[in-house]
Amino acid sequence: MPVSLKMDNIEYRAVIKLFVKEGLTPKEIHSKFIKVYSSGVRNGFQFLYFVKMRAINLIIIVIIIINIQERSVARMRRDLTL
């Protein structure tokens, strides 16, 4: 993959990540991409799939962080009772 295409993909992913964090739906994100990147946007199905996978990954990361925090709190409480 040429460097310019790789950079474009990184740019797309960064923008998608931002929009997902802002709470936009995949369809809203796709319509914004069409306005800005009209010629370079994947077809709707591929795009929506990618956005949904990005959202799922972010949810998994949040769950992992919450789990780690809960374990740390439980460990601290246990240490304080000893």
C-alpha atoms as a PDB file:
ATOM      1  CA  MET A   1       0.000   0.000   0.000  1.00  0.00           C
ATOM      2  CA  PRO A   2       1.473   3.382  -0.973  1.00  0.00           C
ATOM      3  CA  VAL A   3       2.284   5.737   1.882  1.00  0.00           C
ATOM      4  CA  SER A   4      -0.332   8.298   0.802  1.00  0.00           C
ATOM      5  CA  LEU A   5      -3.126   5.700   0.919  1.00  0.00           C
ATOM      6  CA  LYS A   6      -1.946   4.526   4.318  1.00  0.00           C
ATOM      7  CA  MET A   7      -2.015   8.107   5.609  1.00  0.00           C
ATOM      8  CA  ASP A   8      -5.515   8.594   4.177  1.00  0.00           C
ATOM      9  CA  ASN A   9      -6.714   5.509   6.050  1.00  0.00           C
ATOM     10  CA  ILE A  10      -5.156   6.800   9.272  1.00  0.00           C
ATOM     11  CA  GLU A  11      -6.879  10.150   8.751  1.00  0.00           C
ATOM     12  CA  TYR A  12     -10.250   8.477   8.094  1.00  0.00           C
ATOM     13  CA  ARG A  13      -9.900   6.335  11.200  1.00  0.00           C
ATOM     14  CA  ALA A  14      -9.022   9.322  13.374  1.00  0.00           C
ATOM     15  CA  VAL A  15     -12.067  11.242  12.168  1.00  0.00           C
ATOM     16  CA  ILE A  16     -14.316   8.202  12.640  1.00  0.00           C
ATOM     17  CA  LYS A  17     -12.973   7.708  16.155  1.00  0.00           C
ATOM     18  CA  LEU A  18     -13.754  11.337  16.983  1.00  0.00           C
ATOM     19  CA  PHE A  19     -17.299  11.107  15.609  1.00  0.00           C
ATOM     20  CA  VAL A  20     -17.954   7.836  17.469  1.00  0.00           C
ATOM     21  CA  LYS A  21     -16.827   9.450  20.722  1.00  0.00           C
ATOM     22  CA  GLU A  22     -19.181  12.359  19.991  1.00  0.00           C
ATOM     23  CA  GLY A  23     -22.031   9.857  19.764  1.00  0.00           C
ATOM     24  CA  LEU A  24     -22.865  10.151  16.070  1.00  0.00           C
ATOM     25  CA  THR A  25     -24.569   7.192  14.406  1.00  0.00           C
ATOM     26  CA  PRO A  26     -22.800   5.359  11.583  1.00  0.00           C
ATOM     27  CA  LYS A  27     -25.216   6.866   9.040  1.00  0.00           C
ATOM     28  CA  GLU A  28     -24.508  10.391  10.313  1.00  0.00           C
ATOM     29  CA  ILE A  29     -20.774   9.765  10.120  1.00  0.00           C
ATOM     30  CA  HIS A  30     -21.091   8.389   6.582  1.00  0.00           C
ATOM     31  CA  SER A  31     -23.059  11.429   5.403  1.00  0.00           C
ATOM     32  CA  LYS A  32     -20.384  13.751   6.839  1.00  0.00           C
ATOM     33  CA  PHE A  33     -17.674  11.748   5.075  1.00  0.00           C
ATOM     34  CA  ILE A  34     -19.510  11.981   1.755  1.00  0.00           C
ATOM     35  CA  LYS A  35     -19.662  15.772   2.104  1.00  0.00           C
ATOM     36  CA  VAL A  36     -15.939  16.090   2.810  1.00  0.00           C
ATOM     37  CA  TYR A  37     -14.280  13.126   1.082  1.00  0.00           C
ATOM     38  CA  SER A  38     -16.813  12.550  -1.711  1.00  0.00           C
ATOM     39  CA  SER A  39     -14.566  10.584  -4.070  1.00  0.00           C
ATOM     40  CA  GLY A  40     -12.632   8.587  -1.481  1.00  0.00           C
ATOM     41  CA  VAL A  41     -15.427   7.201   0.693  1.00  0.00           C
ATOM     42  CA  ARG A  42     -16.018   3.452   0.768  1.00  0.00           C
ATOM     43  CA  ASN A  43     -19.454   2.193  -0.165  1.00  0.00           C
ATOM     44  CA  GLY A  44     -22.107   2.453   2.545  1.00  0.00           C
ATOM     45  CA  PHE A  45     -21.990  -1.158   3.721  1.00  0.00           C
ATOM     46  CA  GLN A  46     -18.208  -1.256   4.124  1.00  0.00           C
ATOM     47  CA  PHE A  47     -18.212   2.124   5.830  1.00  0.00           C
ATOM     48  CA  LEU A  48     -20.991   1.277   8.282  1.00  0.00           C
ATOM     49  CA  TYR A  49     -19.310  -2.027   9.117  1.00  0.00           C
ATOM     50  CA  PHE A  50     -16.025  -0.243   9.852  1.00  0.00           C
ATOM     51  CA  VAL A  51     -17.731   2.387  12.031  1.00  0.00           C
ATOM     52  CA  LYS A  52     -19.641  -0.256  13.980  1.00  0.00           C
ATOM     53  CA  MET A  53     -16.452  -2.238  14.561  1.00  0.00           C
ATOM     54  CA  ARG A  54     -14.695   0.921  15.778  1.00  0.00           C
ATOM     55  CA  ALA A  55     -17.572   1.590  18.201  1.00  0.00           C
ATOM     56  CA  ILE A  56     -17.464  -2.000  19.463  1.00  0.00           C
ATOM     57  CA  ASN A  57     -13.707  -1.710  20.028  1.00  0.00           C
ATOM     58  CA  LEU A  58     -14.186   1.500  22.021  1.00  0.00           C
ATOM     59  CA  ILE A  59     -16.894  -0.142  24.145  1.00  0.00           C
ATOM     60  CA  ILE A  60     -14.607  -3.103  24.855  1.00  0.00           C
ATOM     61  CA  ILE A  61     -11.790  -0.750  25.872  1.00  0.00           C
ATOM     62  CA  VAL A  62     -14.117   1.114  28.253  1.00  0.00           C
ATOM     63  CA  ILE A  63     -15.291  -2.177  29.794  1.00  0.00           C
ATOM     64  CA  ILE A  64     -11.686  -3.271  30.322  1.00  0.00           C
ATOM     65  CA  ILE A  65     -10.792   0.060  31.955  1.00  0.00           C
ATOM     66  CA  ILE A  66     -13.823  -0.139  34.263  1.00  0.00           C
ATOM     67  CA  ASN A  67     -12.939  -3.708  35.185  1.00  0.00           C
ATOM     68  CA  ILE A  68      -9.340  -2.724  35.995  1.00  0.00           C
ATOM     69  CA  GLN A  69     -10.553   0.201  38.111  1.00  0.00           C
ATOM     70  CA  GLU A  70     -13.007  -2.004  40.020  1.00  0.00           C
ATOM     71  CA  ARG A  71     -10.278  -4.544  40.724  1.00  0.00           C
ATOM     72  CA  SER A  72      -7.958  -1.782  41.940  1.00  0.00           C
ATOM     73  CA  VAL A  73     -10.631  -0.380  44.263  1.00  0.00           C
ATOM     74  CA  ALA A  74     -11.405  -3.857  45.613  1.00  0.00           C
ATOM     75  CA  ARG A  75      -7.698  -4.508  46.174  1.00  0.00           C
ATOM     76  CA  MET A  76      -7.281  -1.162  47.968  1.00  0.00           C
ATOM     77  CA  ARG A  77     -10.285  -1.867  50.211  1.00  0.00           C
ATOM     78  CA  ARG A  78      -8.924  -5.314  51.011  1.00  0.00           C
ATOM     79  CA  ASP A  79      -5.514  -3.841  51.860  1.00  0.00           C
ATOM     80  CA  LEU A  80      -7.098  -1.222  54.129  1.00  0.00           C
ATOM     81  CA  THR A  81      -9.002  -3.840  56.109  1.00  0.00           C
ATOM     82  CA  LEU A  82      -5.842  -5.850  56.843  1.00  0.00           C
END
